[in-house]
Structure formats: structure tokens, C-alpha cells
Amino acid sequence: MNTIHNLPRPGAPHMDNLCATILQCDEHNRREWLNLDRIAKHQGFDPASFAARFAELQTQMSLQPCGECEK
């Protein structure tokens, strides 16, 4: 399974790349401001599966060190 640190990347599943792109632009795309169901429907994904994968990648991202002092 892909982890957030190597996404987005060519060849990764479209859903993973989309979630990673949204999460990496978090200052503009906070989850509470997003309509994940609408995004999923427009991308042809099952809304429940998209929300679950988004939450999984969001958790992975929050566990990644974000600076030199956290490594």
C-alpha cells in the first residue's frame, strides 16, 4: 500500500494521488471545508471508499515528521 510520503506520483492509484494532492495543500483545503462526497462523485469514486482512504492518508500524513527537529 502506498504511503503519503511517496505521493502523488505517476503510476499510483488516482484516488491516492488525488487525496495526497488535497492533503499537501492543506492550508487551502482543510477537510472541514471540503465536500468529500462531491469530490468523490465528480471523480467517479464511491464516496464512502474515498472518505475512508482520505482519512487513512490524512492519518499517515499527520504521523510523518514535518521538520528536521522531528526526525
Protein backbone atom coordinates (compact mmCIF):
# COMPACT_ATOMS: atom_id res chain seq x y z
CA MET A 1 0.00 0.00 0.00
CA ASN A 2 1.25 3.50 -0.81
CA THR A 3 2.20 5.89 1.93
CA ILE A 4 1.73 9.62 1.83
CA HIS A 5 5.45 10.42 1.59
CA ASN A 6 5.74 8.99 -1.94
CA LEU A 7 2.52 10.51 -3.30
CA PRO A 8 1.47 11.96 -5.66
CA ARG A 9 3.48 10.08 -8.22
CA PRO A 10 2.97 8.66 -11.70
CA GLY A 11 1.58 5.14 -11.61
CA ALA A 12 -0.05 5.46 -8.19
CA PRO A 13 -3.80 4.93 -7.96
CA HIS A 14 -5.78 8.00 -9.00
CA MET A 15 -7.60 8.10 -5.66
CA ASP A 16 -4.33 8.09 -3.70
CA ASN A 17 -2.83 10.83 -5.85
CA LEU A 18 -5.95 12.97 -5.51
CA CYS A 19 -6.08 12.55 -1.71
CA ALA A 20 -2.35 13.30 -1.38
CA THR A 21 -2.64 16.43 -3.52
CA ILE A 22 -5.52 17.72 -1.41
CA LEU A 23 -3.69 16.94 1.83
CA GLN A 24 -0.44 18.53 0.70
CA CYS A 25 -2.34 21.76 0.03
CA ASP A 26 -3.98 21.58 3.47
CA GLU A 27 -3.72 25.27 4.28
CA HIS A 28 -6.18 25.91 1.44
CA ASN A 29 -8.12 22.63 1.57
CA ARG A 30 -8.90 21.87 5.20
CA ARG A 31 -11.02 18.75 5.43
CA GLU A 32 -13.80 20.56 7.29
CA TRP A 33 -14.15 22.91 4.29
CA LEU A 34 -14.22 20.12 1.71
CA ASN A 35 -17.21 18.22 0.43
CA LEU A 36 -15.52 14.83 0.03
CA ASP A 37 -18.75 13.23 -1.22
CA ARG A 38 -18.99 15.76 -4.04
CA ILE A 39 -15.32 15.35 -4.97
CA ALA A 40 -15.72 11.57 -4.99
CA LYS A 41 -18.82 11.66 -7.18
CA HIS A 42 -17.17 14.01 -9.72
CA GLN A 43 -14.11 11.75 -9.88
CA GLY A 44 -16.18 8.58 -10.25
CA PHE A 45 -15.30 7.15 -6.81
CA ASP A 46 -17.56 5.60 -4.21
CA PRO A 47 -17.97 8.38 -1.61
CA ALA A 48 -17.51 6.05 1.38
CA SER A 49 -14.35 4.49 -0.08
CA PHE A 50 -12.94 7.90 -0.93
CA ALA A 51 -13.63 9.29 2.55
CA ALA A 52 -12.05 6.22 4.15
CA ARG A 53 -8.91 6.43 2.00
CA PHE A 54 -8.69 10.18 2.56
CA ALA A 55 -8.84 9.63 6.35
CA GLU A 56 -6.21 6.87 6.14
CA LEU A 57 -3.78 9.05 4.18
CA GLN A 58 -4.53 12.03 6.41
CA THR A 59 -3.54 9.94 9.44
CA GLN A 60 -0.35 8.79 7.73
CA MET A 61 0.50 12.38 6.87
CA SER A 62 -0.04 13.55 10.45
CA LEU A 63 2.40 10.88 11.68
CA GLN A 64 5.17 11.92 9.27
CA PRO A 65 7.93 14.19 10.65
CA CYS A 66 7.48 17.64 9.15
CA GLY A 67 10.83 19.20 10.01
CA GLU A 68 14.43 18.39 10.79
CA CYS A 69 13.86 18.66 14.54
CA GLU A 70 11.14 15.97 14.38
CA LYS A 71 13.30 13.37 12.60
